[in-house]
Amino acid sequence: MGCFTMFERFTDEARRVTVGAQAEARELGHRSIGTGHLLLALMAEDAGTGTRALRDHSGDLDELREGVRRTASDAAPRRRGILPIAHIPFSKDAKKALELSLRYAIHFGHQTITAGHLLLGTLRVEEGAAVRVLTDAGVDLGALRATTERLTKEANG
């Protein structure tokens, strides 16, 4: 399934996450959107299932945000200041996370892709910045994944 078709399945919340990830990458001066940017955007969605799960398992979201920004800045090629380009592409890891979010939605029998599916996909990209930061912060990824699955199933039930 192509990206265009996949993005058509995104809920408004999931679309805000992808736009927010692009804004995070642009603000940090990065040339691509990575899993860390997706995680930052997920945390910005106050009412979403992804944010609720992260809040339940990570405690201090501000500390987690700073860890993501620091890790993403260390890992991503960047330019000084905010990038003026209109479109910033997704990195290989972020594309993998998006594809995995679609697979989660299909697996659960959901017609749409939500922020919860995006978090689940992001958590599966073990080499990504998001997983590194969560692990460094002492987050139990298995427990976070289980909570996210439960909340996502309940919200789309």
C-alpha atoms as a PDB file:
ATOM      1  CA  MET A   1       0.000   0.000   0.000  1.00  0.00           C
ATOM      2  CA  GLY A   2       1.463   3.358  -1.016  1.00  0.00           C
ATOM      3  CA  CYS A   3       1.992   6.263   1.346  1.00  0.00           C
ATOM      4  CA  PHE A   4      -0.781   8.320  -0.257  1.00  0.00           C
ATOM      5  CA  THR A   5      -3.338   5.624   0.449  1.00  0.00           C
ATOM      6  CA  MET A   6      -1.968   5.137   3.959  1.00  0.00           C
ATOM      7  CA  PHE A   7      -2.216   8.870   4.801  1.00  0.00           C
ATOM      8  CA  GLU A   8      -5.843   8.889   3.652  1.00  0.00           C
ATOM      9  CA  ARG A   9      -6.547   6.497   6.538  1.00  0.00           C
ATOM     10  CA  PHE A  10      -5.051   8.844   9.145  1.00  0.00           C
ATOM     11  CA  THR A  11      -7.399  10.427  11.669  1.00  0.00           C
ATOM     12  CA  ASP A  12      -7.156  14.185  12.207  1.00  0.00           C
ATOM     13  CA  GLU A  13      -5.117  13.458  15.345  1.00  0.00           C
ATOM     14  CA  ALA A  14      -2.631  11.285  13.402  1.00  0.00           C
ATOM     15  CA  ARG A  15      -2.349  13.964  10.715  1.00  0.00           C
ATOM     16  CA  ARG A  16      -1.581  16.568  13.384  1.00  0.00           C
ATOM     17  CA  VAL A  17       1.174  14.277  14.669  1.00  0.00           C
ATOM     18  CA  THR A  18       2.821  13.991  11.242  1.00  0.00           C
ATOM     19  CA  VAL A  19       2.559  17.751  10.662  1.00  0.00           C
ATOM     20  CA  GLY A  20       3.874  18.345  14.185  1.00  0.00           C
ATOM     21  CA  ALA A  21       6.816  16.004  13.536  1.00  0.00           C
ATOM     22  CA  GLN A  22       7.667  18.005  10.432  1.00  0.00           C
ATOM     23  CA  ALA A  23       7.511  21.224  12.479  1.00  0.00           C
ATOM     24  CA  GLU A  24       9.800  19.705  15.144  1.00  0.00           C
ATOM     25  CA  ALA A  25      12.342  18.684  12.497  1.00  0.00           C
ATOM     26  CA  ARG A  26      12.189  22.121  10.891  1.00  0.00           C
ATOM     27  CA  GLU A  27      12.590  23.899  14.251  1.00  0.00           C
ATOM     28  CA  LEU A  28      15.643  21.773  15.074  1.00  0.00           C
ATOM     29  CA  GLY A  29      17.115  22.419  11.625  1.00  0.00           C
ATOM     30  CA  HIS A  30      16.998  18.748  10.609  1.00  0.00           C
ATOM     31  CA  ARG A  31      16.825  17.603   7.004  1.00  0.00           C
ATOM     32  CA  SER A  32      14.516  14.652   7.695  1.00  0.00           C
ATOM     33  CA  ILE A  33      11.761  13.617  10.102  1.00  0.00           C
ATOM     34  CA  GLY A  34      12.841  10.801  12.420  1.00  0.00           C
ATOM     35  CA  THR A  35      11.169   8.713  15.098  1.00  0.00           C
ATOM     36  CA  GLY A  36      12.260  11.229  17.717  1.00  0.00           C
ATOM     37  CA  HIS A  37      10.308  13.948  15.918  1.00  0.00           C
ATOM     38  CA  LEU A  38       7.271  11.651  15.783  1.00  0.00           C
ATOM     39  CA  LEU A  39       7.595  11.069  19.529  1.00  0.00           C
ATOM     40  CA  LEU A  40       7.803  14.823  20.195  1.00  0.00           C
ATOM     41  CA  ALA A  41       4.675  15.395  18.125  1.00  0.00           C
ATOM     42  CA  LEU A  42       2.855  12.540  19.881  1.00  0.00           C
ATOM     43  CA  MET A  43       3.627  14.148  23.243  1.00  0.00           C
ATOM     44  CA  ALA A  44       2.187  17.443  21.993  1.00  0.00           C
ATOM     45  CA  GLU A  45      -1.227  15.829  21.349  1.00  0.00           C
ATOM     46  CA  ASP A  46      -2.690  16.399  24.812  1.00  0.00           C
ATOM     47  CA  ALA A  47      -5.770  14.175  24.511  1.00  0.00           C
ATOM     48  CA  GLY A  48      -4.439  11.406  22.283  1.00  0.00           C
ATOM     49  CA  THR A  49      -4.060   7.760  23.225  1.00  0.00           C
ATOM     50  CA  GLY A  50      -0.331   7.932  22.520  1.00  0.00           C
ATOM     51  CA  THR A  51       0.154  10.847  24.911  1.00  0.00           C
ATOM     52  CA  ARG A  52      -1.996   9.192  27.575  1.00  0.00           C
ATOM     53  CA  ALA A  53       0.103   6.041  27.397  1.00  0.00           C
ATOM     54  CA  LEU A  54       3.362   8.016  27.468  1.00  0.00           C
ATOM     55  CA  ARG A  55       2.144  10.026  30.466  1.00  0.00           C
ATOM     56  CA  ASP A  56       1.241   6.807  32.314  1.00  0.00           C
ATOM     57  CA  HIS A  57       4.709   5.311  31.790  1.00  0.00           C
ATOM     58  CA  SER A  58       7.246   8.094  31.559  1.00  0.00           C
ATOM     59  CA  GLY A  59       6.257  10.565  34.244  1.00  0.00           C
ATOM     60  CA  ASP A  60       7.952  13.833  33.303  1.00  0.00           C
ATOM     61  CA  LEU A  61       7.115  14.562  29.655  1.00  0.00           C
ATOM     62  CA  ASP A  62       9.258  17.723  29.679  1.00  0.00           C
ATOM     63  CA  GLU A  63      12.318  15.668  30.612  1.00  0.00           C
ATOM     64  CA  LEU A  64      11.453  13.167  27.889  1.00  0.00           C
ATOM     65  CA  ARG A  65      11.027  15.986  25.342  1.00  0.00           C
ATOM     66  CA  GLU A  66      14.473  17.332  26.197  1.00  0.00           C
ATOM     67  CA  GLY A  67      15.987  13.856  25.794  1.00  0.00           C
ATOM     68  CA  VAL A  68      14.376  13.462  22.372  1.00  0.00           C
ATOM     69  CA  ARG A  69      15.550  16.891  21.246  1.00  0.00           C
ATOM     70  CA  ARG A  70      19.088  16.176  22.451  1.00  0.00           C
ATOM     71  CA  THR A  71      19.232  12.713  20.839  1.00  0.00           C
ATOM     72  CA  ALA A  72      17.610  13.839  17.599  1.00  0.00           C
ATOM     73  CA  SER A  73      20.003  16.779  17.379  1.00  0.00           C
ATOM     74  CA  ASP A  74      23.000  14.492  17.854  1.00  0.00           C
ATOM     75  CA  ALA A  75      21.821  11.971  15.258  1.00  0.00           C
ATOM     76  CA  ALA A  76      20.303  14.041  12.456  1.00  0.00           C
ATOM     77  CA  PRO A  77      22.114  16.127   9.870  1.00  0.00           C
ATOM     78  CA  ARG A  78      21.112  19.734  10.357  1.00  0.00           C
ATOM     79  CA  ARG A  79      21.530  23.260   9.204  1.00  0.00           C
ATOM     80  CA  ARG A  80      21.713  26.386  11.294  1.00  0.00           C
ATOM     81  CA  GLY A  81      18.339  27.835  12.166  1.00  0.00           C
ATOM     82  CA  ILE A  82      14.903  26.883  10.931  1.00  0.00           C
ATOM     83  CA  LEU A  83      14.801  25.213   7.536  1.00  0.00           C
ATOM     84  CA  PRO A  84      12.997  27.311   4.932  1.00  0.00           C
ATOM     85  CA  ILE A  85      11.963  24.354   2.753  1.00  0.00           C
ATOM     86  CA  ALA A  86       8.273  23.513   2.627  1.00  0.00           C
ATOM     87  CA  HIS A  87       8.603  19.740   2.772  1.00  0.00           C
ATOM     88  CA  ILE A  88      10.947  17.724   4.960  1.00  0.00           C
ATOM     89  CA  PRO A  89      11.029  14.018   4.042  1.00  0.00           C
ATOM     90  CA  PHE A  90      10.618  11.159   6.472  1.00  0.00           C
ATOM     91  CA  SER A  91      13.773   9.238   7.388  1.00  0.00           C
ATOM     92  CA  LYS A  92      14.019   5.508   6.734  1.00  0.00           C
ATOM     93  CA  ASP A  93      13.191   4.811  10.404  1.00  0.00           C
ATOM     94  CA  ALA A  94      10.180   7.150  10.392  1.00  0.00           C
ATOM     95  CA  LYS A  95       8.864   5.556   7.181  1.00  0.00           C
ATOM     96  CA  LYS A  96       9.202   2.171   8.856  1.00  0.00           C
ATOM     97  CA  ALA A  97       7.270   3.469  11.896  1.00  0.00           C
ATOM     98  CA  LEU A  98       4.475   4.763   9.646  1.00  0.00           C
ATOM     99  CA  GLU A  99       4.266   1.444   7.803  1.00  0.00           C
ATOM    100  CA  LEU A 100       4.153  -0.430  11.106  1.00  0.00           C
ATOM    101  CA  SER A 101       1.356   1.869  12.327  1.00  0.00           C
ATOM    102  CA  LEU A 102      -0.684   0.801   9.298  1.00  0.00           C
ATOM    103  CA  ARG A 103       0.048  -2.842  10.092  1.00  0.00           C
ATOM    104  CA  TYR A 104      -1.151  -2.329  13.674  1.00  0.00           C
ATOM    105  CA  ALA A 105      -4.394  -0.755  12.454  1.00  0.00           C
ATOM    106  CA  ILE A 106      -4.989  -3.658  10.068  1.00  0.00           C
ATOM    107  CA  HIS A 107      -4.093  -6.207  12.756  1.00  0.00           C
ATOM    108  CA  PHE A 108      -6.610  -4.641  15.167  1.00  0.00           C
ATOM    109  CA  GLY A 109      -9.269  -4.475  12.442  1.00  0.00           C
ATOM    110  CA  HIS A 110      -9.381  -0.662  12.538  1.00  0.00           C
ATOM    111  CA  GLN A 111     -10.303   1.338   9.446  1.00  0.00           C
ATOM    112  CA  THR A 112      -8.260   4.381  10.458  1.00  0.00           C
ATOM    113  CA  ILE A 113      -4.753   5.034  11.756  1.00  0.00           C
ATOM    114  CA  THR A 114      -4.677   6.956  15.030  1.00  0.00           C
ATOM    115  CA  ALA A 115      -1.931   8.464  17.158  1.00  0.00           C
ATOM    116  CA  GLY A 116      -1.987   5.261  19.206  1.00  0.00           C
ATOM    117  CA  HIS A 117      -1.124   3.251  16.097  1.00  0.00           C
ATOM    118  CA  LEU A 118       1.653   5.759  15.342  1.00  0.00           C
ATOM    119  CA  LEU A 119       3.146   5.292  18.807  1.00  0.00           C
ATOM    120  CA  LEU A 120       2.988   1.514  18.455  1.00  0.00           C
ATOM    121  CA  GLY A 121       4.763   1.726  15.103  1.00  0.00           C
ATOM    122  CA  THR A 122       7.377   4.079  16.521  1.00  0.00           C
ATOM    123  CA  LEU A 123       8.049   1.734  19.444  1.00  0.00           C
ATOM    124  CA  ARG A 124       8.773  -1.122  17.027  1.00  0.00           C
ATOM    125  CA  VAL A 125      11.658   0.750  15.364  1.00  0.00           C
ATOM    126  CA  GLU A 126      14.249  -0.360  17.893  1.00  0.00           C
ATOM    127  CA  GLU A 127      17.143   1.507  16.267  1.00  0.00           C
ATOM    128  CA  GLY A 128      15.241   4.805  16.237  1.00  0.00           C
ATOM    129  CA  ALA A 129      15.870   7.839  18.431  1.00  0.00           C
ATOM    130  CA  ALA A 130      12.473   7.501  20.122  1.00  0.00           C
ATOM    131  CA  VAL A 131      13.226   4.036  21.509  1.00  0.00           C
ATOM    132  CA  ARG A 132      16.721   5.114  22.627  1.00  0.00           C
ATOM    133  CA  VAL A 133      15.349   8.074  24.558  1.00  0.00           C
ATOM    134  CA  LEU A 134      12.545   6.081  26.165  1.00  0.00           C
ATOM    135  CA  THR A 135      14.980   3.345  27.179  1.00  0.00           C
ATOM    136  CA  ASP A 136      17.471   5.892  28.556  1.00  0.00           C
ATOM    137  CA  ALA A 137      14.630   7.438  30.580  1.00  0.00           C
ATOM    138  CA  GLY A 138      13.931   4.041  32.146  1.00  0.00           C
ATOM    139  CA  VAL A 139      10.593   3.517  30.411  1.00  0.00           C
ATOM    140  CA  ASP A 140       9.478  -0.112  30.311  1.00  0.00           C
ATOM    141  CA  LEU A 141       8.813  -0.432  26.578  1.00  0.00           C
ATOM    142  CA  GLY A 142       6.802  -3.640  26.977  1.00  0.00           C
ATOM    143  CA  ALA A 143       4.481  -2.031  29.503  1.00  0.00           C
ATOM    144  CA  LEU A 144       4.184   1.135  27.384  1.00  0.00           C
ATOM    145  CA  ARG A 145       3.355  -0.969  24.325  1.00  0.00           C
ATOM    146  CA  ALA A 146       0.722  -2.949  26.279  1.00  0.00           C
ATOM    147  CA  THR A 147      -0.932   0.223  27.597  1.00  0.00           C
ATOM    148  CA  THR A 148      -0.901   1.809  24.140  1.00  0.00           C
ATOM    149  CA  GLU A 149      -2.470  -1.300  22.593  1.00  0.00           C
ATOM    150  CA  ARG A 150      -5.189  -1.351  25.257  1.00  0.00           C
ATOM    151  CA  LEU A 151      -5.997   2.355  24.911  1.00  0.00           C
ATOM    152  CA  THR A 152      -5.945   2.170  21.111  1.00  0.00           C
ATOM    153  CA  LYS A 153      -8.283  -0.819  21.061  1.00  0.00           C
ATOM    154  CA  GLU A 154     -10.651   0.857  23.529  1.00  0.00           C
ATOM    155  CA  ALA A 155     -10.707   4.122  21.565  1.00  0.00           C
ATOM    156  CA  ASN A 156     -11.394   2.345  18.265  1.00  0.00           C
ATOM    157  CA  GLY A 157     -13.457  -0.440  19.748  1.00  0.00           C
END
